[in-house]
Amino acid sequence: MTARIAYKRVVMGLHQSTPDRTTVRLAAEFAGLLRLDLMGLFIEDPGMLAPAQRPGAREFQLLGRRWRPLEPQSLTRDIELCALSARRMLDETAKTLGVPSRFEVVRAALREAMKAVSQASDIVIIAEPHNPAERAIAPFPQLVKAAFESAATVLYLPRRIARARGPVVAIATSPDDPSLATAETIAAAAQESLIVIEAFKREAEAAPDSAGAAGIPVARLSVARSALGDIRSLSSAIDGLRERMIVVTRGAFGEGDGDKPAALAALQSVPLLLVEPAGAPASEPANEPANERLGRPETA
């Protein structure tokens, strides 16, 4: 029997920028694949209003080709319109794909918002901006840091997705690595094969594969554990697999992982799912909306 994973929601963090329709669709498709709910989380960071409160603050109008005073009321309205646009896009995409969806606006710093909302049963989507300049500036780096500090599993989407079909790759550092059960479930749902990258010494009398017993084709590739520390070498080692997704457990690339998960996703041009290790502490359940837990009203 195929292993089951206890995920409930796919959470897509949004902020004060133009929503990416392709990313929203990818998030909805992934939620539909695993039969999970899709949640759009629009994070309204109060720090974004700080520049407008400085004396003499101005903004440049592209249409009018002129500078004008930067007013808090105008910026607040722009943020509200952006939230409405994001909500409309998420609702329309989810409805088209038949995925249950929900949308929340949270007024809090990114880290605080993510901590209040995310649960161990969530998969948080982190999509790298298509514009390279946006990758280095707020709020993207803060969103990445907040997601990786949360108890949730993180799905990292690189700027370019090479393919929508292909085997699911699990990178395992032990025979009972949590990535294996998750990758098996995804492979079964997507009707794909499973490729296990074994970065450990396999015992001769190993137990039968549950994936193989469930009828999922399984292939294996052995690599040295040290190979996980060199992402470019690892990418070269798995080159040609034409995978659709990589699943790996947090910490597999070394303490803290750093930017290695994102780097591997970018090199392979496929989504990378970073799951929590076995025994990781679960967050408290969130039974009420995040804006209520933070004591702030929802505006969109």
Protein backbone atom coordinates (compact mmCIF):
# COMPACT_ATOMS: atom_id res chain seq x y z
CA MET A 1 0.00 0.00 0.00
CA THR A 2 1.29 3.44 -0.87
CA ALA A 3 2.48 5.48 2.11
CA ARG A 4 0.30 8.38 3.20
CA ILE A 5 1.48 11.81 4.27
CA ALA A 6 -0.40 14.05 6.65
CA TYR A 7 -0.43 17.27 4.65
CA LYS A 8 -3.60 19.34 4.60
CA ARG A 9 -2.85 22.62 2.80
CA VAL A 10 -0.65 24.18 0.19
CA VAL A 11 0.09 27.72 1.38
CA MET A 12 1.15 30.36 -1.10
CA GLY A 13 2.67 33.47 0.45
CA LEU A 14 1.82 36.66 -1.43
CA HIS A 15 2.96 40.21 -0.84
CA GLN A 16 2.77 43.73 -2.23
CA SER A 17 3.73 42.91 -5.80
CA THR A 18 1.95 41.78 -8.95
CA PRO A 19 0.83 38.13 -8.54
CA ASP A 20 2.41 35.68 -10.96
CA ARG A 21 -0.37 33.78 -12.73
CA THR A 22 1.94 30.90 -13.70
CA THR A 23 3.07 30.41 -10.10
CA VAL A 24 -0.50 30.51 -8.80
CA ARG A 25 -1.47 27.84 -11.32
CA LEU A 26 1.50 25.63 -10.39
CA ALA A 27 0.54 25.90 -6.71
CA ALA A 28 -3.08 25.02 -7.49
CA GLU A 29 -2.06 22.09 -9.68
CA PHE A 30 0.18 20.71 -6.94
CA ALA A 31 -2.61 21.07 -4.38
CA GLY A 32 -4.99 19.28 -6.74
CA LEU A 33 -2.47 16.49 -7.38
CA LEU A 34 -2.29 15.65 -3.66
CA ARG A 35 -5.95 16.54 -3.01
CA LEU A 36 -5.05 19.34 -0.61
CA ASP A 37 -6.62 22.74 0.02
CA LEU A 38 -4.96 25.83 -1.44
CA MET A 39 -4.48 28.84 0.80
CA GLY A 40 -3.40 32.25 -0.44
CA LEU A 41 -1.70 34.23 2.32
CA PHE A 42 -1.35 37.93 1.52
CA ILE A 43 1.19 39.38 3.95
CA GLU A 44 0.80 43.11 4.50
CA ASP A 45 4.03 44.06 6.25
CA PRO A 46 3.56 47.32 8.22
CA GLY A 47 7.17 48.14 7.40
CA MET A 48 6.11 48.79 3.81
CA LEU A 49 4.29 51.94 4.98
CA ALA A 50 7.32 53.34 6.78
CA PRO A 51 8.82 55.14 3.73
CA ALA A 52 5.57 57.01 3.15
CA GLN A 53 5.70 58.39 6.68
CA ARG A 54 9.09 60.03 6.20
CA PRO A 55 9.08 63.80 5.55
CA GLY A 56 9.61 64.58 1.86
CA ALA A 57 9.10 60.99 0.65
CA ARG A 58 8.23 60.87 -3.05
CA GLU A 59 7.40 58.30 -5.73
CA PHE A 60 7.81 58.42 -9.51
CA GLN A 61 4.66 57.97 -11.62
CA LEU A 62 5.39 56.07 -14.80
CA LEU A 63 2.22 57.19 -16.59
CA GLY A 64 2.53 60.84 -15.64
CA ARG A 65 6.33 60.77 -15.86
CA ARG A 66 6.62 62.91 -12.79
CA TRP A 67 7.43 62.73 -9.11
CA ARG A 68 4.68 63.11 -6.54
CA PRO A 69 4.55 63.02 -2.73
CA LEU A 70 4.39 59.50 -1.30
CA GLU A 71 1.31 59.49 0.90
CA PRO A 72 0.38 56.72 3.38
CA GLN A 73 -3.26 56.77 2.23
CA SER A 74 -2.27 56.27 -1.41
CA LEU A 75 0.16 53.46 -0.58
CA THR A 76 -2.43 51.74 1.63
CA ARG A 77 -4.93 51.85 -1.22
CA ASP A 78 -2.39 50.40 -3.65
CA ILE A 79 -1.74 47.52 -1.25
CA GLU A 80 -5.48 46.87 -0.89
CA LEU A 81 -5.88 46.77 -4.67
CA CYS A 82 -2.96 44.36 -4.94
CA ALA A 83 -4.55 42.09 -2.33
CA LEU A 84 -7.85 42.14 -4.23
CA SER A 85 -6.05 41.28 -7.47
CA ALA A 86 -4.20 38.41 -5.81
CA ARG A 87 -7.40 37.07 -4.28
CA ARG A 88 -9.25 37.22 -7.58
CA MET A 89 -6.46 35.40 -9.40
CA LEU A 90 -6.20 32.67 -6.78
CA ASP A 91 -9.98 32.16 -6.59
CA GLU A 92 -10.35 31.98 -10.38
CA THR A 93 -7.44 29.55 -10.79
CA ALA A 94 -8.60 27.30 -7.96
CA LYS A 95 -12.16 27.25 -9.32
CA THR A 96 -10.94 26.35 -12.82
CA LEU A 97 -8.91 23.42 -11.47
CA GLY A 98 -11.53 22.33 -8.95
CA VAL A 99 -9.29 22.91 -5.92
CA PRO A 100 -10.76 24.08 -2.58
CA SER A 101 -9.22 27.45 -1.73
CA ARG A 102 -9.07 30.11 0.93
CA PHE A 103 -7.52 33.56 1.09
CA GLU A 104 -6.32 35.52 4.11
CA VAL A 105 -4.83 38.96 4.57
CA VAL A 106 -2.44 39.20 7.52
CA ARG A 107 -1.04 42.52 8.75
CA ALA A 108 2.24 41.59 10.38
CA ALA A 109 5.93 41.30 9.67
CA LEU A 110 6.70 38.38 7.38
CA ARG A 111 8.32 36.26 10.07
CA GLU A 112 5.49 36.88 12.53
CA ALA A 113 2.83 36.16 9.90
CA MET A 114 4.42 32.92 8.76
CA LYS A 115 4.89 31.72 12.33
CA ALA A 116 1.26 32.47 13.18
CA VAL A 117 -0.18 30.75 10.12
CA SER A 118 2.06 27.83 9.15
CA GLN A 119 1.59 24.35 10.56
CA ALA A 120 3.55 21.12 10.29
CA SER A 121 0.80 19.84 7.99
CA ASP A 122 1.35 22.68 5.49
CA ILE A 123 3.40 22.87 2.31
CA VAL A 124 4.56 26.46 1.81
CA ILE A 125 5.27 27.57 -1.75
CA ILE A 126 8.36 29.71 -2.32
CA ALA A 127 8.58 30.90 -5.93
CA GLU A 128 11.76 32.56 -7.11
CA PRO A 129 10.92 35.87 -8.86
CA HIS A 130 11.31 35.91 -12.64
CA ASN A 131 13.10 39.24 -12.33
CA PRO A 132 16.57 38.45 -10.84
CA ALA A 133 16.69 41.88 -9.18
CA GLU A 134 13.64 41.01 -7.05
CA ARG A 135 15.44 37.98 -5.63
CA ALA A 136 17.89 40.15 -3.71
CA ILE A 137 15.49 42.78 -2.39
CA ALA A 138 12.68 42.76 0.13
CA PRO A 139 10.34 41.07 0.62
CA PHE A 140 11.55 37.88 -1.14
CA PRO A 141 14.59 37.11 1.06
CA GLN A 142 12.51 37.66 4.20
CA LEU A 143 9.76 35.40 2.85
CA VAL A 144 12.30 32.63 2.16
CA LYS A 145 13.83 32.97 5.63
CA ALA A 146 10.43 32.96 7.33
CA ALA A 147 9.29 29.87 5.41
CA PHE A 148 12.45 27.91 6.21
CA GLU A 149 12.20 28.86 9.88
CA SER A 150 8.61 27.60 10.06
CA ALA A 151 7.50 24.06 10.89
CA ALA A 152 6.06 23.60 7.40
CA THR A 153 7.42 21.67 4.46
CA VAL A 154 8.73 24.03 1.76
CA LEU A 155 8.22 23.65 -2.00
CA TYR A 156 10.78 25.77 -3.83
CA LEU A 157 9.90 26.78 -7.39
CA PRO A 158 12.79 27.98 -9.58
CA ARG A 159 12.28 30.70 -12.19
CA ARG A 160 12.22 28.10 -14.98
CA ILE A 161 10.34 24.79 -14.82
CA ALA A 162 11.78 22.40 -17.40
CA ARG A 163 8.99 19.82 -17.56
CA ALA A 164 5.64 18.81 -16.13
CA ARG A 165 6.13 15.04 -16.49
CA GLY A 166 8.86 12.64 -15.42
CA PRO A 167 9.93 10.57 -12.42
CA VAL A 168 9.94 11.85 -8.86
CA VAL A 169 13.44 11.84 -7.32
CA ALA A 170 13.97 11.27 -3.59
CA ILE A 171 17.36 12.04 -2.06
CA ALA A 172 17.73 9.79 0.99
CA THR A 173 20.44 9.76 3.66
CA SER A 174 19.06 6.68 5.44
CA PRO A 175 16.76 3.72 4.63
CA ASP A 176 13.89 5.37 6.55
CA ASP A 177 14.47 8.91 5.31
CA PRO A 178 11.15 10.90 5.44
CA SER A 179 11.68 11.98 1.84
CA LEU A 180 10.99 8.43 0.68
CA ALA A 181 7.38 8.21 1.89
CA THR A 182 6.59 11.69 0.59
CA ALA A 183 8.17 11.07 -2.81
CA GLU A 184 6.36 7.73 -3.05
CA THR A 185 3.00 9.39 -2.40
CA ILE A 186 3.65 12.08 -5.01
CA ALA A 187 4.83 9.52 -7.57
CA ALA A 188 1.71 7.43 -7.01
CA ALA A 189 -0.60 10.45 -7.31
CA ALA A 190 1.15 11.64 -10.48
CA GLN A 191 1.39 8.10 -11.91
CA GLU A 192 5.14 8.45 -12.28
CA SER A 193 8.11 6.27 -11.38
CA LEU A 194 10.30 6.85 -8.33
CA ILE A 195 14.07 7.29 -8.44
CA VAL A 196 15.90 7.05 -5.11
CA ILE A 197 19.30 8.72 -4.77
CA GLU A 198 20.86 6.73 -1.92
CA ALA A 199 23.47 8.67 0.02
CA PHE A 200 23.95 5.85 2.52
CA LYS A 201 25.23 2.29 2.65
CA ARG A 202 22.38 -0.09 1.89
CA GLU A 203 22.21 -3.28 3.97
CA ALA A 204 22.27 -6.54 2.04
CA GLU A 205 19.13 -7.81 3.79
CA ALA A 206 17.12 -4.64 3.31
CA ALA A 207 13.34 -4.81 3.62
CA PRO A 208 11.28 -4.80 0.40
CA ASP A 209 10.38 -1.41 -1.01
CA SER A 210 6.84 -0.33 -0.17
CA ALA A 211 6.79 1.62 -3.43
CA GLY A 212 7.71 -1.46 -5.44
CA ALA A 213 5.10 -3.47 -3.58
CA ALA A 214 2.52 -0.83 -4.49
CA GLY A 215 3.32 -1.16 -8.17
CA ILE A 216 5.37 2.03 -8.52
CA PRO A 217 8.47 1.50 -10.67
CA VAL A 218 11.55 2.18 -8.55
CA ALA A 219 15.13 2.82 -9.68
CA ARG A 220 18.15 3.53 -7.47
CA LEU A 221 21.34 5.51 -7.81
CA SER A 222 24.04 5.42 -5.12
CA VAL A 223 26.16 8.47 -4.31
CA ALA A 224 28.58 9.24 -1.51
CA ARG A 225 27.11 11.25 1.37
CA SER A 226 29.82 13.85 0.76
CA ALA A 227 28.39 14.38 -2.75
CA LEU A 228 25.41 16.17 -1.22
CA GLY A 229 27.70 18.98 -0.13
CA ASP A 230 28.66 19.85 -3.71
CA ILE A 231 25.47 20.83 -5.49
CA ARG A 232 27.01 21.18 -8.94
CA SER A 233 28.55 17.70 -8.71
CA LEU A 234 25.26 16.29 -7.46
CA SER A 235 23.43 17.98 -10.35
CA SER A 236 25.89 16.41 -12.79
CA ALA A 237 25.42 12.99 -11.16
CA ILE A 238 21.65 13.04 -11.67
CA ASP A 239 21.77 14.77 -15.03
CA GLY A 240 19.68 12.92 -17.60
CA LEU A 241 17.03 11.60 -15.18
CA ARG A 242 14.55 14.16 -16.55
CA GLU A 243 12.73 14.29 -13.25
CA ARG A 244 9.66 16.43 -12.60
CA MET A 245 10.41 17.03 -8.90
CA ILE A 246 13.05 16.43 -6.24
CA VAL A 247 12.14 15.53 -2.65
CA VAL A 248 14.76 15.84 0.07
CA THR A 249 14.74 16.03 3.87
CA ARG A 250 15.86 19.21 5.58
CA GLY A 251 19.48 18.93 6.70
CA ALA A 252 20.53 16.46 3.99
CA PHE A 253 22.90 19.01 2.43
CA GLY A 254 24.57 19.80 5.74
CA GLU A 255 23.71 21.72 8.85
CA GLY A 256 21.37 24.54 7.93
CA ASP A 257 21.29 23.54 4.25
CA GLY A 258 21.90 27.19 3.30
CA ASP A 259 20.98 28.04 -0.28
CA LYS A 260 21.75 24.53 -1.55
CA PRO A 261 18.10 23.42 -1.99
CA ALA A 262 17.36 26.53 -4.07
CA ALA A 263 20.58 26.07 -6.04
CA LEU A 264 19.75 22.44 -6.90
CA ALA A 265 16.21 23.41 -7.94
CA ALA A 266 17.63 26.12 -10.21
CA LEU A 267 20.26 23.83 -11.75
CA GLN A 268 17.74 21.08 -12.46
CA SER A 269 14.92 23.51 -13.36
CA VAL A 270 12.39 21.51 -11.34
CA PRO A 271 10.50 22.10 -8.07
CA LEU A 272 12.26 20.90 -4.92
CA LEU A 273 10.26 19.78 -1.89
CA LEU A 274 12.13 20.13 1.42
CA VAL A 275 10.41 17.98 4.05
CA GLU A 276 10.84 18.07 7.80
CA PRO A 277 13.00 15.38 9.45
CA ALA A 278 11.36 12.65 11.51
CA GLY A 279 10.48 13.78 15.01
CA ALA A 280 10.45 17.49 14.14
CA PRO A 281 8.22 19.42 16.57
CA ALA A 282 4.78 20.22 15.20
CA SER A 283 3.34 23.70 15.44
CA GLU A 284 0.11 24.40 17.27
CA PRO A 285 -3.04 23.89 15.21
CA ALA A 286 -4.54 27.01 13.72
CA ASN A 287 -8.31 26.73 14.05
CA GLU A 288 -9.08 30.41 13.56
CA PRO A 289 -7.98 32.82 10.82
CA ALA A 290 -4.49 34.24 11.16
CA ASN A 291 -5.75 37.82 11.25
CA GLU A 292 -7.77 36.97 14.37
CA ARG A 293 -4.82 35.29 16.06
CA LEU A 294 -2.75 38.41 15.41
CA GLY A 295 -5.56 40.70 16.51
CA ARG A 296 -5.86 42.51 13.19
CA PRO A 297 -8.90 42.87 10.89
CA GLU A 298 -8.94 41.48 7.35
CA THR A 299 -9.42 44.07 4.60
CA ALA A 300 -9.62 42.01 1.43
